[in-house]
Amino acid sequence: MSTPKPLNDSATAKVFNNDLVLTYNTTGNYWIFPPNKIEPTYGYWVYSFDDENASLTYKTNPETPTMTHLVAGWNMIGHTSKQNMNVTNSLSSIDQKYSYLLKYTHGGWLMHIAGADNSGPGRFYTMEPGIGYWIFMTEPADYTALSA
């Protein structure tokens, strides 16, 4: 899971009630359970005990775009637009600094390989709002949220 824009109330308990939520701190190489708040550019694993929808209310005038420092290796990120977007455009701030992008669906894992044709089975080429992703960085870089 992810949020494309800053939330009015980003406290994890307000967004997810009694669900189990965790994220991965790549700098320290450890899981955070639960995170204090839900922020754009980050991805989250959520285990819900019931079928439910998270009701997200975005800030109307957010501050400057959010930025997250990604380390070489695996990182969890979120898509930062409210619209579906081509992976290359969505990840323009870290262009040529990643090799793989993974997302989990009810059908299993899907992969995007940078610079490859991603139209085949098990592949994807569009990032979606609300989805969390694992990204493999080939070098450290700053992932900046999109302004649109």
N, C-alpha and C. Protein backbone atom coordinates (compact mmCIF):
# COMPACT_ATOMS: atom_id res chain seq x y z
N MET A 1 0.84 -1.16 0.00
CA MET A 1 0.00 0.00 0.00
C MET A 1 0.89 1.22 0.00
N SER A 2 0.38 2.32 -0.50
CA SER A 2 1.06 3.61 -0.43
C SER A 2 0.02 4.71 -0.54
N THR A 3 0.44 5.93 -0.29
CA THR A 3 -0.42 7.09 -0.50
C THR A 3 0.28 8.02 -1.48
N PRO A 4 -0.44 8.48 -2.51
CA PRO A 4 0.22 9.30 -3.51
C PRO A 4 0.54 10.72 -3.06
N LYS A 5 -0.14 11.21 -2.06
CA LYS A 5 0.03 12.60 -1.61
C LYS A 5 -0.02 12.66 -0.08
N PRO A 6 0.45 13.76 0.53
CA PRO A 6 0.39 13.89 1.99
C PRO A 6 -1.06 13.86 2.49
N LEU A 7 -1.27 13.21 3.63
CA LEU A 7 -2.61 13.06 4.21
C LEU A 7 -2.87 14.14 5.26
N ASN A 8 -4.15 14.49 5.43
CA ASN A 8 -4.52 15.44 6.49
C ASN A 8 -4.14 14.88 7.86
N ASP A 9 -4.44 13.62 8.09
CA ASP A 9 -4.07 12.96 9.34
C ASP A 9 -3.32 11.69 8.96
N SER A 10 -2.01 11.72 9.07
CA SER A 10 -1.19 10.60 8.59
C SER A 10 -0.84 9.57 9.67
N ALA A 11 -1.42 9.72 10.88
CA ALA A 11 -1.15 8.74 11.94
C ALA A 11 -1.60 7.36 11.47
N THR A 12 -0.74 6.39 11.59
CA THR A 12 -1.02 5.04 11.10
C THR A 12 -2.33 4.49 11.66
N ALA A 13 -2.57 4.67 12.94
CA ALA A 13 -3.80 4.17 13.56
C ALA A 13 -5.05 4.83 12.99
N LYS A 14 -4.96 6.08 12.57
CA LYS A 14 -6.11 6.78 11.97
C LYS A 14 -6.40 6.27 10.57
N VAL A 15 -5.35 5.92 9.84
CA VAL A 15 -5.52 5.47 8.46
C VAL A 15 -5.97 4.01 8.42
N PHE A 16 -5.44 3.17 9.30
CA PHE A 16 -5.68 1.73 9.22
C PHE A 16 -6.37 1.09 10.41
N ASN A 17 -6.93 1.86 11.30
CA ASN A 17 -7.65 1.31 12.45
C ASN A 17 -6.83 0.24 13.18
N ASN A 18 -7.29 -1.02 13.16
CA ASN A 18 -6.63 -2.09 13.90
C ASN A 18 -5.80 -3.02 13.03
N ASP A 19 -5.50 -2.61 11.80
CA ASP A 19 -4.73 -3.45 10.90
C ASP A 19 -3.26 -3.50 11.31
N LEU A 20 -2.57 -4.55 10.88
CA LEU A 20 -1.13 -4.67 11.11
C LEU A 20 -0.42 -3.99 9.95
N VAL A 21 0.42 -3.01 10.25
CA VAL A 21 1.10 -2.22 9.22
C VAL A 21 2.59 -2.21 9.52
N LEU A 22 3.40 -2.43 8.48
CA LEU A 22 4.84 -2.30 8.65
C LEU A 22 5.48 -1.76 7.38
N THR A 23 6.66 -1.20 7.55
CA THR A 23 7.45 -0.71 6.43
C THR A 23 8.90 -1.07 6.70
N TYR A 24 9.72 -0.92 5.68
CA TYR A 24 11.12 -1.34 5.79
C TYR A 24 12.04 -0.13 5.78
N ASN A 25 12.92 -0.06 6.77
CA ASN A 25 13.93 0.99 6.84
C ASN A 25 15.19 0.45 6.18
N THR A 26 15.46 0.91 4.96
CA THR A 26 16.60 0.38 4.22
C THR A 26 17.93 0.90 4.75
N THR A 27 17.94 2.10 5.29
CA THR A 27 19.19 2.65 5.82
C THR A 27 19.68 1.81 7.00
N GLY A 28 18.76 1.46 7.90
CA GLY A 28 19.12 0.65 9.07
C GLY A 28 18.96 -0.83 8.85
N ASN A 29 18.32 -1.22 7.72
CA ASN A 29 18.11 -2.61 7.37
C ASN A 29 17.25 -3.35 8.40
N TYR A 30 16.07 -2.75 8.71
CA TYR A 30 15.15 -3.39 9.66
C TYR A 30 13.71 -2.98 9.35
N TRP A 31 12.76 -3.80 9.83
CA TRP A 31 11.33 -3.53 9.67
C TRP A 31 10.86 -2.57 10.77
N ILE A 32 9.93 -1.70 10.43
CA ILE A 32 9.30 -0.80 11.40
C ILE A 32 7.86 -1.25 11.56
N PHE A 33 7.50 -1.64 12.79
CA PHE A 33 6.16 -2.15 13.07
C PHE A 33 5.65 -1.59 14.39
N PRO A 34 4.64 -0.80 14.37
CA PRO A 34 4.06 -0.12 13.21
C PRO A 34 4.80 1.20 12.98
N PRO A 35 4.74 1.73 11.76
CA PRO A 35 5.31 3.06 11.53
C PRO A 35 4.44 4.11 12.23
N ASN A 36 5.04 5.24 12.60
CA ASN A 36 4.28 6.31 13.27
C ASN A 36 3.26 6.96 12.36
N LYS A 37 3.64 7.11 11.07
CA LYS A 37 2.73 7.77 10.14
C LYS A 37 2.90 7.21 8.74
N ILE A 38 1.93 7.49 7.90
CA ILE A 38 1.91 7.05 6.51
C ILE A 38 2.31 8.24 5.64
N GLU A 39 3.39 8.06 4.86
CA GLU A 39 3.94 9.17 4.09
C GLU A 39 4.08 8.80 2.61
N PRO A 40 3.93 9.80 1.72
CA PRO A 40 4.18 9.56 0.30
C PRO A 40 5.64 9.13 0.09
N THR A 41 5.90 8.47 -0.99
CA THR A 41 7.18 7.90 -1.42
C THR A 41 7.51 6.59 -0.72
N TYR A 42 6.84 6.26 0.40
CA TYR A 42 7.09 5.00 1.10
C TYR A 42 6.05 3.95 0.71
N GLY A 43 6.44 2.68 0.77
CA GLY A 43 5.53 1.57 0.60
C GLY A 43 5.29 0.91 1.94
N TYR A 44 4.13 0.27 2.11
CA TYR A 44 3.75 -0.36 3.37
C TYR A 44 3.12 -1.73 3.11
N TRP A 45 3.41 -2.67 3.99
CA TRP A 45 2.70 -3.95 4.01
C TRP A 45 1.57 -3.80 5.02
N VAL A 46 0.36 -4.18 4.61
CA VAL A 46 -0.81 -4.06 5.48
C VAL A 46 -1.53 -5.41 5.53
N TYR A 47 -1.75 -5.90 6.76
CA TYR A 47 -2.57 -7.08 6.95
C TYR A 47 -3.86 -6.63 7.61
N SER A 48 -4.97 -6.81 6.90
CA SER A 48 -6.27 -6.41 7.41
C SER A 48 -7.03 -7.66 7.85
N PHE A 49 -7.67 -7.58 9.01
CA PHE A 49 -8.44 -8.71 9.52
C PHE A 49 -9.79 -8.82 8.83
N ASP A 50 -10.25 -7.74 8.20
CA ASP A 50 -11.53 -7.71 7.50
C ASP A 50 -11.34 -7.02 6.15
N ASP A 51 -12.25 -7.30 5.20
CA ASP A 51 -12.24 -6.56 3.95
C ASP A 51 -12.66 -5.12 4.26
N GLU A 52 -11.85 -4.17 3.83
CA GLU A 52 -12.17 -2.78 4.09
C GLU A 52 -11.43 -1.89 3.12
N ASN A 53 -11.87 -0.66 3.03
CA ASN A 53 -11.20 0.35 2.23
C ASN A 53 -10.64 1.41 3.17
N ALA A 54 -9.43 1.86 2.89
CA ALA A 54 -8.86 2.96 3.67
C ALA A 54 -9.39 4.26 3.08
N SER A 55 -9.93 5.11 3.92
CA SER A 55 -10.44 6.41 3.48
C SER A 55 -9.33 7.44 3.65
N LEU A 56 -8.77 7.91 2.53
CA LEU A 56 -7.65 8.84 2.56
C LEU A 56 -8.11 10.25 2.23
N THR A 57 -7.79 11.19 3.10
CA THR A 57 -8.10 12.60 2.86
C THR A 57 -6.78 13.34 2.71
N TYR A 58 -6.55 13.89 1.53
CA TYR A 58 -5.28 14.53 1.23
C TYR A 58 -5.26 15.99 1.65
N LYS A 59 -4.08 16.48 1.98
CA LYS A 59 -3.91 17.90 2.26
C LYS A 59 -4.20 18.67 0.98
N THR A 60 -4.90 19.80 1.10
CA THR A 60 -5.24 20.57 -0.09
C THR A 60 -4.07 21.40 -0.60
N ASN A 61 -3.21 21.85 0.29
CA ASN A 61 -2.03 22.63 -0.10
C ASN A 61 -0.79 22.05 0.55
N PRO A 62 -0.32 20.89 0.03
CA PRO A 62 0.85 20.28 0.67
C PRO A 62 2.10 21.13 0.49
N GLU A 63 3.05 20.92 1.39
CA GLU A 63 4.32 21.62 1.32
C GLU A 63 5.06 21.17 0.06
N THR A 64 6.32 21.41 0.01
CA THR A 64 7.12 20.98 -1.14
C THR A 64 7.02 19.47 -1.31
N PRO A 65 7.25 18.97 -2.51
CA PRO A 65 7.15 17.52 -2.72
C PRO A 65 8.05 16.74 -1.77
N THR A 66 7.55 15.59 -1.34
CA THR A 66 8.27 14.72 -0.44
C THR A 66 9.44 14.05 -1.17
N MET A 67 10.53 13.84 -0.46
CA MET A 67 11.69 13.18 -1.01
C MET A 67 12.16 12.11 -0.03
N THR A 68 12.58 10.96 -0.56
CA THR A 68 13.08 9.86 0.26
C THR A 68 14.42 9.42 -0.30
N HIS A 69 15.39 9.25 0.57
CA HIS A 69 16.69 8.75 0.13
C HIS A 69 16.63 7.23 0.03
N LEU A 70 16.94 6.70 -1.13
CA LEU A 70 16.97 5.26 -1.35
C LEU A 70 18.42 4.79 -1.38
N VAL A 71 18.66 3.64 -0.81
CA VAL A 71 20.02 3.08 -0.76
C VAL A 71 20.19 2.05 -1.87
N ALA A 72 21.42 1.69 -2.16
CA ALA A 72 21.67 0.61 -3.12
C ALA A 72 21.10 -0.68 -2.53
N GLY A 73 20.39 -1.44 -3.35
CA GLY A 73 19.71 -2.66 -2.90
C GLY A 73 18.21 -2.45 -2.89
N TRP A 74 17.50 -3.29 -2.14
CA TRP A 74 16.04 -3.26 -2.13
C TRP A 74 15.49 -2.17 -1.21
N ASN A 75 14.46 -1.46 -1.68
CA ASN A 75 13.76 -0.40 -0.95
C ASN A 75 12.26 -0.56 -1.19
N MET A 76 11.44 -0.08 -0.25
CA MET A 76 9.99 -0.04 -0.46
C MET A 76 9.60 1.39 -0.79
N ILE A 77 8.81 1.55 -1.88
CA ILE A 77 8.36 2.89 -2.28
C ILE A 77 6.88 2.86 -2.62
N GLY A 78 6.31 4.04 -2.80
CA GLY A 78 4.94 4.18 -3.27
C GLY A 78 4.91 5.09 -4.49
N HIS A 79 3.88 4.92 -5.31
CA HIS A 79 3.66 5.78 -6.47
C HIS A 79 3.11 7.11 -5.97
N THR A 80 3.59 8.23 -6.48
CA THR A 80 3.26 9.54 -5.90
C THR A 80 2.36 10.40 -6.78
N SER A 81 1.57 9.78 -7.64
CA SER A 81 0.58 10.50 -8.43
C SER A 81 -0.79 9.89 -8.13
N LYS A 82 -1.84 10.68 -8.27
CA LYS A 82 -3.19 10.16 -8.09
C LYS A 82 -3.69 9.45 -9.35
N GLN A 83 -2.86 9.42 -10.39
CA GLN A 83 -3.21 8.80 -11.67
C GLN A 83 -2.25 7.65 -11.97
N ASN A 84 -2.72 6.65 -12.72
CA ASN A 84 -1.82 5.63 -13.23
C ASN A 84 -0.79 6.33 -14.11
N MET A 85 0.44 5.84 -14.10
CA MET A 85 1.50 6.49 -14.87
C MET A 85 2.53 5.46 -15.31
N ASN A 86 3.08 5.65 -16.49
CA ASN A 86 4.16 4.83 -16.99
C ASN A 86 5.29 4.81 -15.97
N VAL A 87 5.89 3.64 -15.73
CA VAL A 87 6.94 3.49 -14.73
C VAL A 87 8.08 4.47 -14.98
N THR A 88 8.53 4.59 -16.21
CA THR A 88 9.65 5.47 -16.54
C THR A 88 9.36 6.92 -16.14
N ASN A 89 8.16 7.39 -16.43
CA ASN A 89 7.79 8.77 -16.07
C ASN A 89 7.64 8.92 -14.56
N SER A 90 7.05 7.92 -13.92
CA SER A 90 6.84 7.98 -12.48
C SER A 90 8.16 8.02 -11.71
N LEU A 91 9.16 7.30 -12.21
CA LEU A 91 10.44 7.19 -11.51
C LEU A 91 11.52 8.07 -12.16
N SER A 92 11.12 9.16 -12.78
CA SER A 92 12.08 10.02 -13.48
C SER A 92 13.16 10.59 -12.56
N SER A 93 12.86 10.78 -11.28
CA SER A 93 13.86 11.34 -10.36
C SER A 93 15.00 10.35 -10.05
N ILE A 94 14.77 9.08 -10.35
CA ILE A 94 15.81 8.07 -10.10
C ILE A 94 16.14 7.30 -11.39
N ASP A 95 15.91 7.92 -12.53
CA ASP A 95 16.15 7.30 -13.83
C ASP A 95 17.57 6.73 -13.93
N GLN A 96 17.66 5.51 -14.43
CA GLN A 96 18.92 4.79 -14.64
C GLN A 96 19.67 4.46 -13.34
N LYS A 97 18.96 4.50 -12.21
CA LYS A 97 19.59 4.16 -10.93
C LYS A 97 18.89 2.96 -10.28
N TYR A 98 18.00 2.33 -11.02
CA TYR A 98 17.30 1.13 -10.52
C TYR A 98 17.27 0.09 -11.64
N SER A 99 17.11 -1.17 -11.26
CA SER A 99 17.04 -2.21 -12.28
C SER A 99 15.72 -2.99 -12.25
N TYR A 100 15.13 -3.19 -11.06
CA TYR A 100 13.90 -3.97 -10.94
C TYR A 100 12.88 -3.24 -10.07
N LEU A 101 11.62 -3.41 -10.43
CA LEU A 101 10.50 -2.91 -9.64
C LEU A 101 9.50 -4.05 -9.53
N LEU A 102 9.10 -4.39 -8.29
CA LEU A 102 8.17 -5.49 -8.06
C LEU A 102 6.91 -4.98 -7.39
N LYS A 103 5.78 -5.61 -7.72
CA LYS A 103 4.54 -5.35 -6.99
C LYS A 103 3.82 -6.67 -6.77
N TYR A 104 3.11 -6.73 -5.65
CA TYR A 104 2.38 -7.94 -5.30
C TYR A 104 0.90 -7.71 -5.56
N THR A 105 0.26 -8.65 -6.23
CA THR A 105 -1.18 -8.60 -6.47
C THR A 105 -1.78 -9.89 -5.92
N HIS A 106 -3.09 -9.98 -5.94
CA HIS A 106 -3.75 -11.21 -5.48
C HIS A 106 -3.31 -12.41 -6.30
N GLY A 107 -2.84 -12.17 -7.52
CA GLY A 107 -2.37 -13.25 -8.38
C GLY A 107 -0.90 -13.58 -8.20
N GLY A 108 -0.19 -12.84 -7.36
CA GLY A 108 1.23 -13.08 -7.13
C GLY A 108 2.08 -11.88 -7.50
N TRP A 109 3.37 -12.10 -7.64
CA TRP A 109 4.32 -11.03 -7.91
C TRP A 109 4.38 -10.70 -9.40
N LEU A 110 4.49 -9.40 -9.70
CA LEU A 110 4.73 -8.91 -11.05
C LEU A 110 6.02 -8.12 -11.04
N MET A 111 6.72 -8.08 -12.20
CA MET A 111 8.02 -7.43 -12.27
C MET A 111 8.10 -6.45 -13.44
N HIS A 112 8.80 -5.36 -13.19
CA HIS A 112 9.18 -4.42 -14.24
C HIS A 112 10.70 -4.39 -14.26
N ILE A 113 11.29 -4.61 -15.43
CA ILE A 113 12.74 -4.56 -15.58
C ILE A 113 13.08 -3.29 -16.33
N ALA A 114 13.92 -2.44 -15.74
CA ALA A 114 14.29 -1.17 -16.37
C ALA A 114 14.92 -1.42 -17.73
N GLY A 115 14.45 -0.69 -18.72
CA GLY A 115 15.01 -0.77 -20.06
C GLY A 115 14.56 -1.97 -20.88
N ALA A 116 13.66 -2.80 -20.35
CA ALA A 116 13.20 -4.00 -21.06
C ALA A 116 11.76 -3.83 -21.54
N ASP A 117 11.34 -4.70 -22.45
CA ASP A 117 9.94 -4.75 -22.87
C ASP A 117 9.17 -5.44 -21.75
N ASN A 118 8.28 -4.73 -21.10
CA ASN A 118 7.56 -5.26 -19.94
C ASN A 118 6.10 -5.57 -20.25
N SER A 119 5.83 -6.00 -21.49
CA SER A 119 4.45 -6.26 -21.88
C SER A 119 4.06 -7.73 -21.75
N GLY A 120 4.97 -8.61 -21.37
CA GLY A 120 4.68 -10.04 -21.30
C GLY A 120 4.03 -10.47 -20.00
N PRO A 121 3.76 -11.78 -19.88
CA PRO A 121 3.16 -12.32 -18.66
C PRO A 121 4.07 -12.06 -17.44
N GLY A 122 3.46 -11.71 -16.33
CA GLY A 122 4.21 -11.46 -15.11
C GLY A 122 4.93 -10.13 -15.09
N ARG A 123 4.68 -9.28 -16.07
CA ARG A 123 5.35 -7.98 -16.16
C ARG A 123 4.32 -6.86 -16.04
N PHE A 124 4.77 -5.66 -15.73
CA PHE A 124 3.91 -4.49 -15.72
C PHE A 124 4.72 -3.27 -16.13
N TYR A 125 4.04 -2.26 -16.63
CA TYR A 125 4.71 -1.03 -17.08
C TYR A 125 4.02 0.23 -16.58
N THR A 126 3.01 0.07 -15.73
CA THR A 126 2.28 1.22 -15.20
C THR A 126 2.27 1.15 -13.68
N MET A 127 2.59 2.28 -13.03
CA MET A 127 2.47 2.36 -11.57
C MET A 127 1.09 2.93 -11.23
N GLU A 128 0.53 2.44 -10.13
CA GLU A 128 -0.83 2.81 -9.73
C GLU A 128 -0.83 3.47 -8.36
N PRO A 129 -1.69 4.48 -8.17
CA PRO A 129 -1.80 5.08 -6.85
C PRO A 129 -2.33 4.06 -5.84
N GLY A 130 -1.79 4.13 -4.62
CA GLY A 130 -2.24 3.24 -3.56
C GLY A 130 -1.47 1.93 -3.46
N ILE A 131 -0.65 1.63 -4.46
CA ILE A 131 0.11 0.39 -4.47
C ILE A 131 1.51 0.65 -3.93
N GLY A 132 2.04 -0.29 -3.15
CA GLY A 132 3.42 -0.24 -2.68
C GLY A 132 4.29 -1.10 -3.57
N TYR A 133 5.55 -0.74 -3.71
CA TYR A 133 6.46 -1.44 -4.61
C TYR A 133 7.80 -1.70 -3.94
N TRP A 134 8.44 -2.80 -4.30
CA TRP A 134 9.84 -3.05 -3.97
C TRP A 134 10.65 -2.61 -5.18
N ILE A 135 11.71 -1.85 -4.95
CA ILE A 135 12.57 -1.40 -6.04
C ILE A 135 14.01 -1.76 -5.71
N PHE A 136 14.73 -2.27 -6.71
CA PHE A 136 16.14 -2.58 -6.51
C PHE A 136 16.97 -1.45 -7.12
N MET A 137 17.63 -0.71 -6.24
CA MET A 137 18.46 0.42 -6.66
C MET A 137 19.87 -0.07 -6.96
N THR A 138 20.42 0.36 -8.08
CA THR A 138 21.80 0.01 -8.44
C THR A 138 22.79 0.96 -7.78
N GLU A 139 22.29 2.10 -7.30
CA GLU A 139 23.10 3.07 -6.57
C GLU A 139 22.18 3.94 -5.72
N PRO A 140 22.69 4.60 -4.69
CA PRO A 140 21.85 5.46 -3.87
C PRO A 140 21.31 6.64 -4.70
N ALA A 141 20.09 7.08 -4.36
CA ALA A 141 19.49 8.22 -5.07
C ALA A 141 18.34 8.77 -4.24
N ASP A 142 17.94 10.01 -4.53
CA ASP A 142 16.81 10.64 -3.87
C ASP A 142 15.57 10.50 -4.75
N TYR A 143 14.57 9.81 -4.23
CA TYR A 143 13.29 9.60 -4.93
C TYR A 143 12.37 10.76 -4.54
N THR A 144 12.02 11.58 -5.51
CA THR A 144 11.21 12.77 -5.25
C THR A 144 9.78 12.55 -5.74
N ALA A 145 8.81 12.92 -4.90
CA ALA A 145 7.40 12.80 -5.26
C ALA A 145 7.09 13.71 -6.43
N LEU A 146 6.17 13.25 -7.27
CA LEU A 146 5.72 14.04 -8.41
C LEU A 146 4.81 15.16 -7.92
N SER A 147 4.85 16.28 -8.59
CA SER A 147 4.01 17.41 -8.16
C SER A 147 2.60 17.29 -8.70
N ALA A 148 2.38 16.48 -9.71
CA ALA A 148 1.02 16.34 -10.29
C ALA A 148 0.30 15.15 -9.72
